[in-house]
Protein backbone atom coordinates (compact mmCIF):
# COMPACT_ATOMS: atom_id res chain seq x y z
CA MET A 1 -35.69 -114.72 -148.52
CA PRO A 2 -39.20 -114.80 -149.96
CA ARG A 3 -40.20 -117.92 -151.80
CA ARG A 4 -40.53 -117.65 -155.54
CA ARG A 5 -44.10 -118.06 -156.68
CA ASP A 6 -44.91 -120.10 -159.70
CA ARG A 7 -46.17 -117.99 -162.53
CA THR A 8 -48.11 -120.84 -164.10
CA ARG A 9 -50.24 -121.19 -160.96
CA GLY A 10 -51.49 -117.65 -161.22
CA GLU A 11 -49.95 -116.31 -158.03
CA ALA A 12 -48.92 -112.75 -157.49
CA VAL A 13 -45.46 -111.47 -158.22
CA ARG A 14 -44.77 -109.12 -155.34
CA PRO A 15 -41.98 -106.58 -155.52
CA GLN A 16 -39.22 -107.64 -153.18
CA PRO A 17 -36.46 -105.62 -151.55
CA ASP A 18 -32.99 -105.91 -152.95
CA VAL A 19 -31.24 -109.14 -152.03
CA PRO A 20 -27.99 -108.35 -150.20
CA THR A 21 -24.92 -109.42 -152.10
CA PRO A 22 -21.59 -110.48 -150.61
CA ALA A 23 -19.45 -107.49 -149.79
CA ARG A 24 -16.52 -106.80 -152.07
CA PRO A 25 -13.06 -106.87 -150.56
CA VAL A 26 -11.94 -103.47 -149.33
CA VAL A 27 -8.33 -102.38 -149.60
CA ALA A 28 -6.87 -101.50 -146.23
CA GLY A 29 -7.08 -97.78 -145.55
CA VAL A 30 -9.34 -97.12 -148.54
CA ARG A 31 -13.07 -96.78 -148.09
CA PRO A 32 -15.37 -96.93 -151.10
CA ASP A 33 -16.88 -93.56 -151.97
CA ARG A 34 -20.57 -94.33 -152.28
CA SER A 35 -21.38 -90.65 -152.78
CA ARG A 36 -20.26 -91.04 -156.37
CA HIS A 37 -23.25 -93.23 -157.06
CA PRO A 38 -26.29 -91.30 -155.90
CA GLY A 39 -28.49 -93.14 -158.40
CA SER A 40 -27.83 -96.46 -156.69
CA ARG A 41 -28.79 -95.01 -153.30
CA VAL A 42 -32.05 -93.63 -154.74
CA TYR A 43 -32.82 -97.01 -156.30
CA ARG A 44 -32.20 -98.83 -153.01
CA TRP A 45 -34.42 -96.40 -151.14
CA THR A 46 -37.26 -96.68 -153.63
CA SER A 47 -36.96 -100.48 -153.62
CA ARG A 48 -37.33 -100.61 -149.83
CA HIS A 49 -40.16 -98.05 -149.65
CA ARG A 50 -42.38 -99.00 -152.57
CA GLN A 51 -45.62 -98.17 -150.80
CA THR A 52 -44.34 -94.72 -149.86
CA VAL A 53 -43.24 -94.10 -153.44
CA ASP A 54 -46.66 -95.13 -154.78
CA VAL A 55 -48.47 -92.89 -152.30
CA LEU A 56 -46.29 -89.91 -153.22
CA LEU A 57 -46.90 -90.62 -156.91
CA ALA A 58 -50.65 -90.78 -156.34
CA LEU A 59 -50.55 -87.43 -154.49
CA ALA A 60 -48.61 -85.85 -157.34
CA LEU A 61 -51.07 -87.20 -159.91
CA ALA A 62 -53.94 -85.95 -157.78
CA LEU A 63 -52.53 -82.43 -157.95
CA VAL A 64 -52.15 -82.71 -161.72
CA PHE A 65 -55.47 -84.32 -162.56
CA LEU A 66 -57.86 -83.17 -159.81
CA LEU A 67 -57.12 -79.44 -159.73
CA PRO A 68 -58.20 -78.93 -163.36
CA VAL A 69 -61.42 -80.80 -162.60
CA LEU A 70 -62.10 -78.47 -159.67
CA ALA A 71 -61.53 -75.44 -161.86
CA TYR A 72 -63.69 -76.85 -164.66
CA GLY A 73 -66.38 -78.25 -162.38
CA ASP A 74 -67.71 -74.83 -161.29
CA ASP A 75 -68.50 -73.93 -164.87
CA ALA A 76 -69.90 -77.36 -165.70
CA SER A 77 -72.17 -77.45 -162.70
CA SER A 78 -73.98 -74.34 -163.96
CA GLY A 79 -75.13 -76.23 -167.08
CA ASP A 80 -78.22 -78.36 -167.58
CA ARG A 81 -76.45 -81.76 -167.34
CA TRP A 82 -76.03 -82.82 -163.73
CA GLN A 83 -73.87 -85.69 -164.97
CA ASP A 84 -71.16 -83.12 -165.65
CA ALA A 85 -71.37 -81.50 -162.23
CA GLY A 86 -68.06 -80.67 -160.66
CA TRP A 87 -68.56 -82.88 -157.61
CA LEU A 88 -69.34 -85.90 -159.82
CA LEU A 89 -66.38 -85.37 -162.11
CA MET A 90 -64.24 -84.85 -159.02
CA ALA A 91 -65.45 -88.16 -157.56
CA ILE A 92 -64.80 -90.01 -160.82
CA SER A 93 -61.31 -88.51 -161.09
CA ALA A 94 -60.57 -89.44 -157.50
CA GLY A 95 -61.70 -93.00 -158.22
CA LEU A 96 -59.16 -93.10 -161.04
CA VAL A 97 -56.25 -91.49 -159.17
CA VAL A 98 -56.41 -92.71 -155.55
CA PRO A 99 -56.21 -96.48 -156.33
CA LEU A 100 -52.79 -95.93 -157.88
CA ALA A 101 -51.38 -95.65 -154.36
CA TRP A 102 -51.90 -99.43 -154.07
CA ARG A 103 -51.16 -100.43 -157.67
CA ARG A 104 -48.19 -102.63 -156.61
CA THR A 105 -49.08 -103.74 -153.09
CA ALA A 106 -52.77 -104.50 -153.73
CA PRO A 107 -53.30 -104.35 -157.50
CA VAL A 108 -56.55 -106.33 -157.67
CA PRO A 109 -58.60 -104.20 -155.19
CA ALA A 110 -57.12 -101.03 -156.68
CA ALA A 111 -58.13 -102.15 -160.17
CA ALA A 112 -61.65 -102.97 -158.94
CA VAL A 113 -62.10 -99.42 -157.61
CA MET A 114 -60.86 -97.97 -160.89
CA VAL A 115 -63.21 -100.20 -162.92
CA ALA A 116 -66.12 -99.10 -160.76
CA ALA A 117 -65.29 -95.43 -161.38
CA CYS A 118 -65.10 -96.03 -165.14
CA LEU A 119 -68.44 -97.87 -165.15
CA VAL A 120 -70.10 -94.99 -163.31
CA GLN A 121 -68.67 -92.54 -165.82
CA VAL A 122 -69.74 -94.51 -168.89
CA THR A 123 -73.15 -95.39 -167.49
CA LEU A 124 -74.02 -91.81 -166.58
CA GLY A 125 -72.49 -90.43 -169.74
CA SER A 126 -70.40 -87.94 -167.81
CA GLU A 127 -67.81 -85.96 -169.69
CA PRO A 128 -64.41 -87.66 -170.10
CA VAL A 129 -61.76 -86.50 -167.66
CA ILE A 130 -58.02 -86.37 -168.20
CA ALA A 131 -57.58 -88.95 -165.43
CA ASP A 132 -59.04 -91.57 -167.80
CA GLY A 133 -55.54 -92.04 -169.20
CA LEU A 134 -54.40 -93.43 -165.86
CA VAL A 135 -56.22 -96.65 -166.69
CA LEU A 136 -53.13 -97.60 -168.68
CA MET A 137 -51.02 -97.42 -165.51
CA MET A 138 -53.36 -99.88 -163.83
CA VAL A 139 -53.20 -102.20 -166.83
CA TYR A 140 -49.41 -102.18 -166.53
CA ALA A 141 -49.60 -102.79 -162.76
CA LEU A 142 -51.94 -105.76 -163.20
CA ALA A 143 -49.67 -107.30 -165.83
CA ALA A 144 -46.55 -106.82 -163.72
CA TYR A 145 -47.60 -107.32 -160.10
CA ALA A 146 -51.02 -109.03 -159.97
CA PRO A 147 -51.76 -112.76 -160.10
CA ARG A 148 -51.74 -114.21 -163.57
CA TRP A 149 -55.50 -114.56 -163.75
CA ALA A 150 -55.92 -110.93 -162.73
CA SER A 151 -53.40 -109.87 -165.37
CA ILE A 152 -55.37 -111.60 -168.14
CA ALA A 153 -58.69 -110.37 -166.75
CA GLY A 154 -57.32 -106.83 -166.58
CA LEU A 155 -56.29 -106.97 -170.24
CA TRP A 156 -59.73 -108.08 -171.42
CA THR A 157 -61.47 -105.64 -169.09
CA ALA A 158 -59.39 -102.78 -170.47
CA LEU A 159 -60.19 -103.82 -174.05
CA GLY A 160 -63.88 -104.02 -173.15
CA GLY A 161 -63.62 -100.60 -171.51
CA ALA A 162 -62.07 -99.24 -174.71
CA VAL A 163 -65.08 -100.50 -176.67
CA LEU A 164 -67.54 -98.99 -174.18
CA PHE A 165 -65.66 -95.68 -174.11
CA THR A 166 -65.65 -95.54 -177.91
CA LEU A 167 -69.35 -96.38 -178.18
CA ARG A 168 -70.23 -93.81 -175.52
CA TYR A 169 -68.05 -90.86 -176.46
CA VAL A 170 -67.01 -91.38 -180.09
CA ASN A 171 -70.13 -93.09 -181.43
CA PRO A 172 -72.23 -90.49 -183.29
CA PHE A 173 -75.43 -92.34 -182.37
CA ALA A 174 -74.78 -92.52 -178.62
CA THR A 175 -77.36 -90.98 -176.26
CA SER A 176 -77.43 -90.47 -172.54
CA ALA A 177 -79.08 -93.29 -170.63
CA TRP A 178 -80.62 -90.78 -168.22
CA THR A 179 -81.75 -87.86 -170.43
CA GLY A 180 -82.05 -89.43 -173.88
CA ASP A 181 -80.05 -86.56 -175.36
CA PRO A 182 -77.20 -87.36 -177.75
CA VAL A 183 -73.84 -87.29 -176.09
CA VAL A 184 -72.26 -85.86 -179.23
CA SER A 185 -73.86 -84.15 -182.17
CA GLY A 186 -75.08 -86.68 -184.71
CA PRO A 187 -73.99 -86.52 -188.37
CA GLN A 188 -76.31 -85.15 -191.01
CA THR A 189 -75.19 -86.84 -194.23
CA ARG A 190 -74.14 -90.32 -195.35
CA ALA A 191 -70.60 -89.14 -195.87
CA GLU A 192 -70.49 -87.75 -192.39
CA VAL A 193 -71.86 -91.01 -191.00
CA THR A 194 -69.23 -93.01 -192.88
CA SER A 195 -66.49 -90.66 -191.75
CA ALA A 196 -67.72 -90.85 -188.15
CA ILE A 197 -67.76 -94.67 -188.20
CA VAL A 198 -64.26 -94.80 -189.67
CA SER A 199 -63.04 -92.34 -187.06
CA MET A 200 -64.67 -94.41 -184.34
CA LEU A 201 -62.98 -97.61 -185.57
CA VAL A 202 -59.61 -95.89 -185.90
CA PHE A 203 -59.95 -94.50 -182.37
CA LEU A 204 -60.93 -97.92 -181.02
CA GLY A 205 -58.02 -99.62 -182.79
CA PHE A 206 -55.58 -97.03 -181.46
CA VAL A 207 -56.81 -97.37 -177.88
CA ALA A 208 -56.86 -101.18 -178.06
CA ALA A 209 -53.33 -101.26 -179.49
CA LEU A 210 -52.17 -98.90 -176.74
CA VAL A 211 -53.72 -101.16 -174.09
CA VAL A 212 -52.06 -104.26 -175.54
CA VAL A 213 -48.65 -102.58 -175.78
CA VAL A 214 -48.83 -101.37 -172.16
CA TRP A 215 -49.92 -104.82 -171.00
CA LEU A 216 -47.00 -106.41 -172.88
CA PHE A 217 -44.56 -104.05 -171.17
CA GLY A 218 -46.02 -105.05 -167.82
CA ASP A 219 -45.76 -108.72 -168.68
CA ILE A 220 -42.12 -108.24 -169.64
CA THR A 221 -41.54 -106.58 -166.28
CA ARG A 222 -43.15 -109.59 -164.57
CA SER A 223 -40.84 -111.98 -166.43
CA ARG A 224 -37.82 -109.84 -165.58
CA MET A 225 -38.69 -109.77 -161.87
CA LEU A 226 -39.17 -113.55 -161.84
CA GLN A 227 -35.80 -113.99 -163.51
CA GLN A 228 -34.10 -111.62 -161.06
CA ARG A 229 -35.69 -113.46 -158.17
CA GLU A 230 -34.49 -116.80 -159.50
CA LEU A 231 -30.99 -115.40 -159.95
CA ALA A 232 -31.04 -113.95 -156.42
CA GLU A 233 -32.19 -117.25 -154.94
CA HIS A 234 -29.59 -119.12 -156.99
CA ALA A 235 -26.88 -116.72 -155.79
CA ALA A 236 -28.04 -117.17 -152.19
CA ARG A 237 -27.97 -120.96 -152.57
CA LEU A 238 -24.49 -120.79 -154.08
CA GLU A 239 -23.29 -118.57 -151.25
CA LEU A 240 -24.71 -120.98 -148.67
CA GLN A 241 -23.19 -123.94 -150.49
CA GLN A 242 -19.80 -122.23 -150.65
CA ALA A 243 -19.98 -121.43 -146.95
CA GLN A 244 -20.77 -125.06 -146.17
CA GLU A 245 -17.96 -126.23 -148.43
CA ARG A 246 -15.54 -123.86 -146.69
CA GLU A 247 -16.61 -125.21 -143.29
CA LEU A 248 -16.20 -128.81 -144.45
CA ALA A 249 -12.82 -128.02 -145.96
CA ALA A 250 -11.72 -126.31 -142.75
CA ALA A 251 -12.88 -129.28 -140.67
CA ASP A 252 -11.09 -131.70 -142.98
CA GLU A 253 -7.92 -129.61 -142.82
CA ARG A 254 -8.09 -129.49 -139.03
CA ALA A 255 -8.44 -133.27 -138.93
CA ARG A 256 -5.52 -133.68 -141.32
CA ILE A 257 -3.31 -131.34 -139.30
CA ALA A 258 -4.31 -133.15 -136.09
CA ARG A 259 -3.27 -136.49 -137.62
CA GLU A 260 0.03 -135.05 -138.84
CA MET A 261 0.80 -133.44 -135.50
CA HIS A 262 -0.08 -136.61 -133.63
CA ASP A 263 2.21 -138.70 -135.82
CA ILE A 264 5.10 -136.25 -135.55
CA VAL A 265 4.82 -135.51 -131.85
CA ALA A 266 4.09 -139.08 -130.77
CA HIS A 267 6.96 -140.52 -132.80
CA SER A 268 9.55 -137.90 -131.86
CA LEU A 269 8.67 -137.85 -128.17
CA SER A 270 8.67 -141.64 -128.00
CA VAL A 271 12.16 -141.74 -129.49
CA ILE A 272 13.39 -138.94 -127.24
CA ILE A 273 11.94 -140.50 -124.08
CA THR A 274 13.32 -143.93 -124.97
CA GLN A 275 16.77 -142.51 -125.68
CA ALA A 276 16.78 -140.41 -122.51
CA ASP A 277 15.75 -143.33 -120.30
CA GLY A 278 18.30 -145.64 -121.91
CA ALA A 279 21.09 -143.10 -121.60
CA ARG A 280 20.30 -142.48 -117.95
CA TYR A 281 20.88 -146.12 -117.08
CA ALA A 282 23.62 -146.92 -119.58
CA SER A 283 25.78 -143.85 -118.98
CA ALA A 284 26.75 -145.10 -115.53
CA ALA A 285 28.45 -148.14 -117.05
CA ASP A 286 29.52 -146.64 -120.36
CA PRO A 287 29.88 -142.81 -120.40
CA ALA A 288 30.43 -142.87 -124.17
CA VAL A 289 26.72 -143.74 -124.62
CA ALA A 290 25.60 -140.31 -123.50
CA PRO A 291 27.02 -138.30 -126.46
CA ARG A 292 25.54 -140.75 -128.96
CA THR A 293 22.17 -140.65 -127.23
CA LEU A 294 22.15 -136.86 -127.06
CA ALA A 295 23.01 -136.72 -130.77
CA THR A 296 20.07 -139.01 -131.56
CA ILE A 297 17.74 -136.91 -129.40
CA ALA A 298 18.95 -133.70 -131.08
CA GLU A 299 18.52 -135.11 -134.59
CA THR A 300 15.04 -136.43 -133.77
CA GLY A 301 14.04 -133.08 -132.29
CA ARG A 302 15.34 -131.13 -135.30
CA SER A 303 13.57 -133.45 -137.73
CA SER A 304 10.29 -133.13 -135.83
CA LEU A 305 10.70 -129.38 -135.61
CA ARG A 306 11.16 -129.15 -139.37
CA GLU A 307 8.02 -131.15 -139.99
CA MET A 308 6.01 -129.10 -137.51
CA ARG A 309 7.21 -125.88 -139.10
CA ARG A 310 6.22 -127.19 -142.50
CA ILE A 311 2.72 -128.12 -141.31
CA LEU A 312 2.16 -124.88 -139.40
CA GLY A 313 3.78 -122.82 -142.13
CA VAL A 314 0.99 -123.55 -144.60
CA LEU A 315 -1.42 -121.89 -142.17
CA ARG A 316 0.42 -118.58 -142.48
CA ASP A 317 0.07 -116.17 -145.35
CA ASP A 318 3.81 -115.86 -145.62
CA ASP A 319 6.06 -116.49 -148.59
CA ARG A 320 8.84 -117.45 -146.19
CA ALA A 321 6.96 -120.50 -144.92
CA GLU A 322 9.02 -123.65 -145.27
CA THR A 323 8.16 -125.91 -148.16
CA THR A 324 10.01 -129.09 -147.19
CA PRO A 325 8.73 -132.01 -149.28
CA LEU A 326 6.42 -134.46 -147.57
CA PRO A 327 7.85 -137.84 -146.58
CA THR A 328 7.64 -140.58 -149.23
CA LEU A 329 8.59 -144.25 -149.51
CA ALA A 330 12.17 -143.16 -150.08
CA ASP A 331 12.26 -141.81 -146.51
CA LEU A 332 11.36 -145.15 -144.91
CA ASP A 333 15.01 -146.15 -144.57
CA GLU A 334 15.77 -142.95 -142.64
CA LEU A 335 12.74 -143.55 -140.42
CA VAL A 336 13.84 -147.10 -139.64
CA ALA A 337 17.38 -145.92 -138.94
CA THR A 338 16.08 -143.36 -136.46
CA VAL A 339 14.01 -145.99 -134.69
CA ARG A 340 16.98 -148.35 -134.52
CA LEU A 341 18.96 -145.63 -132.77
CA SER A 342 16.32 -145.77 -130.05
CA GLY A 343 17.30 -149.37 -129.30
CA LEU A 344 14.51 -151.14 -131.20
CA ASP A 345 15.63 -153.94 -133.47
CA VAL A 346 13.75 -153.39 -136.75
CA ALA A 347 13.96 -155.59 -139.83
CA VAL A 348 12.61 -154.58 -143.22
CA ASP A 349 11.41 -157.18 -145.73
CA THR A 350 10.33 -156.39 -149.28
CA THR A 351 8.59 -158.86 -151.55
CA GLY A 352 7.63 -158.33 -155.14
CA THR A 353 8.92 -155.65 -157.46
CA PRO A 354 8.84 -152.20 -155.83
CA ALA A 355 6.83 -149.74 -157.90
CA PRO A 356 6.52 -146.48 -155.99
CA GLN A 357 5.53 -144.70 -159.20
CA ARG A 358 2.18 -146.50 -158.98
CA LEU A 359 1.38 -144.58 -155.79
CA SER A 360 0.74 -140.87 -155.66
CA ALA A 361 2.60 -138.59 -153.26
CA GLY A 362 -0.40 -138.65 -150.92
CA ALA A 363 -0.52 -142.46 -150.91
CA GLN A 364 3.22 -142.68 -150.22
CA LEU A 365 2.77 -140.31 -147.29
CA VAL A 366 0.05 -142.62 -145.94
CA VAL A 367 2.43 -145.60 -146.09
CA TYR A 368 5.13 -143.60 -144.30
CA ARG A 369 2.75 -142.47 -141.55
CA VAL A 370 1.35 -145.97 -141.02
CA VAL A 371 4.83 -147.42 -140.56
CA GLN A 372 5.84 -144.48 -138.36
CA GLU A 373 2.81 -144.83 -136.11
CA ALA A 374 3.15 -148.61 -135.86
CA LEU A 375 6.84 -148.41 -134.86
CA THR A 376 6.07 -145.61 -132.42
CA ASN A 377 3.46 -147.81 -130.76
CA VAL A 378 6.05 -150.59 -130.47
CA LEU A 379 8.42 -148.19 -128.69
CA LYS A 380 5.68 -146.98 -126.35
CA HIS A 381 3.78 -150.18 -125.54
CA ALA A 382 5.85 -153.28 -126.42
CA GLY A 383 8.01 -153.17 -123.29
CA GLY A 384 11.25 -155.04 -122.67
CA THR A 385 13.53 -155.50 -125.68
CA PRO A 386 11.14 -156.29 -128.52
CA HIS A 387 11.92 -157.00 -132.13
CA ALA A 388 9.88 -155.49 -134.93
CA ARG A 389 9.54 -156.36 -138.59
CA VAL A 390 8.26 -154.14 -141.40
CA ALA A 391 7.10 -156.02 -144.48
CA LEU A 392 6.20 -154.38 -147.81
CA ASP A 393 4.40 -156.73 -150.18
CA TRP A 394 4.22 -155.27 -153.71
CA GLY A 395 1.36 -157.22 -155.27
CA ALA A 396 -0.26 -156.99 -158.66
CA ASP A 397 -2.92 -154.43 -157.65
CA THR A 398 -2.20 -153.53 -154.04
CA LEU A 399 0.64 -152.76 -151.66
CA GLY A 400 0.55 -154.64 -148.37
CA ILE A 401 2.12 -153.04 -145.30
CA THR A 402 2.65 -155.21 -142.22
CA VAL A 403 4.33 -154.18 -138.98
CA VAL A 404 4.62 -156.85 -136.28
CA ASP A 405 6.52 -157.10 -133.02
CA ASP A 406 7.10 -159.80 -130.41
CA GLY A 407 6.80 -157.63 -127.32
CA ARG A 408 4.16 -157.63 -124.63
CA GLY A 409 1.90 -155.64 -126.93
CA VAL A 410 -1.26 -153.76 -126.13
CA THR A 411 -4.30 -155.83 -125.30
CA ARG A 412 -7.81 -154.85 -126.29
CA VAL A 413 -8.42 -153.87 -122.67
CA ASP A 414 -5.43 -151.55 -122.82
CA LEU A 415 -6.74 -149.97 -126.01
CA THR A 416 -9.99 -149.01 -124.35
CA GLY A 417 -8.12 -147.07 -121.71
CA LEU A 418 -5.41 -145.42 -123.79
CA ALA A 419 -6.63 -142.35 -125.65
CA GLY A 420 -3.31 -142.02 -127.48
CA ALA A 421 -3.46 -145.55 -128.85
CA ARG A 422 -7.03 -145.11 -130.01
CA GLN A 423 -6.13 -141.79 -131.63
CA GLY A 424 -3.18 -143.30 -133.48
CA LEU A 425 -5.09 -146.31 -134.77
CA ARG A 426 -8.02 -144.13 -135.78
CA GLY A 427 -5.66 -141.79 -137.63
CA MET A 428 -4.06 -144.72 -139.50
CA ARG A 429 -7.45 -146.12 -140.47
CA GLU A 430 -8.69 -142.73 -141.70
CA ARG A 431 -5.57 -142.23 -143.80
CA ILE A 432 -5.87 -145.66 -145.39
CA GLU A 433 -9.60 -145.33 -146.09
CA LEU A 434 -9.05 -142.02 -147.86
CA PHE A 435 -7.25 -144.02 -150.55
CA ASP A 436 -9.76 -146.92 -150.59
CA GLY A 437 -7.52 -149.12 -148.50
CA ALA A 438 -8.14 -151.26 -145.43
CA LEU A 439 -6.40 -151.61 -142.06
CA GLU A 440 -6.42 -154.30 -139.39
CA ALA A 441 -4.70 -153.88 -136.04
CA GLY A 442 -4.69 -156.01 -132.92
CA PRO A 443 -2.73 -158.28 -130.58
CA ARG A 444 -1.10 -161.42 -132.02
CA PRO A 445 -2.13 -164.81 -130.63
CA GLY A 446 1.46 -165.69 -129.69
CA GLY A 447 2.22 -162.31 -128.18
CA GLY A 448 3.06 -158.97 -129.63
CA PHE A 449 1.03 -156.73 -131.89
CA ARG A 450 0.33 -156.62 -135.61
CA VAL A 451 -0.74 -153.83 -137.94
CA ARG A 452 -1.81 -154.91 -141.44
CA ALA A 453 -2.78 -152.43 -144.15
CA THR A 454 -3.54 -152.80 -147.85
CA LEU A 455 -3.42 -149.89 -150.25
CA PRO A 456 -4.59 -150.21 -153.89
CA TYR A 457 -2.52 -148.70 -156.64
CA GLU A 458 -3.82 -145.59 -158.33
CA GLU A 459 -4.28 -146.00 -162.06
CA GLU A 460 -3.46 -142.36 -162.83
CA SER A 461 -0.11 -142.76 -161.04
CA ARG A 462 1.07 -145.49 -163.32
């Protein structure tokens, strides 16, 4: 997109092609009928081919203004005044018509050629031609498309030209600079002189007013084009900003879904694998263990499947997508019960006065996922027959979540080699930091592993 030029610095305002706008949504099977708007197609074509339009306009004006000069020039050339010869009037008219082909693309050189033609005409005292009226078109072009300094200079030059034209062709005392003959017949009486002067002043005032009005219209066009350009640039910036926001939102959603899927899959598979391994060894001594283990595996699989369907369902544009509520603090007991069925001894301690209403639904989900991930890591990495403890400390301004175990644990060396462990810890930390919390995780000095998280209450949730 072309850069907007500052009007106050006197730079040119060039006509620009139409700025493409975002396409409107099209109903399936229905194509917009653009043939109903032929005017818009003509406007788009003229906007993209401005030089061609100006050249065609100049050719049309040449036919209108030069042919009469050719027809009149043969008669004028037979007179005594060579200043009114057909070839000279033709050259002057061409100097007034041809520059209009560049009135928008190169307004300053075009105006210079037109000024030169007018000076030749006034200096020689040649007869006025009908192409003299085209000066107003150049005044408009300078005001609309030329640099600011050229616009102001064009206005004063046109006003000066109006004075010279009046003094040369309306002034009763004017004489030719080359022959000394009066250009127009001089008055004979005082009343005629007074009437001629008044007529000259009225003519000058009318021409000057016409020049000023045309220049004002051009200046309004300049302001309108600058405003349209600013709006187009603003719309383009908004479109780019919206595209960037959509990309960031999509990336954030992908990261969120990845965290959810990791928590669900890692937890459910850990429980299923633990139950299956335990049942394989225990069923030989106690066959009744197998049905209970299979029931636990089935319930864990169904629960995970429901959560996966809920997460993936929001990605579909389908009213039938499941809308199961997200886990909250109230679901912690069910989570702990499921883990206990896997053979892990889990104790839950609560200190302080529970106040789940001080946490939003999103914050409660974070607490649930942190506890779920920590217990899943105990099942996967603690080894042996560990014991785990989940502690919820309801403080004055924050909720503390601590999950510790007394198993073998995962050392820092193990963490560097286990992508799953790193992913889980990173997911927990990202969840906590989204709500201005903090998380610490690492091996305990006496053995085992500890996960400690603090989550501040949200004032709006109180």
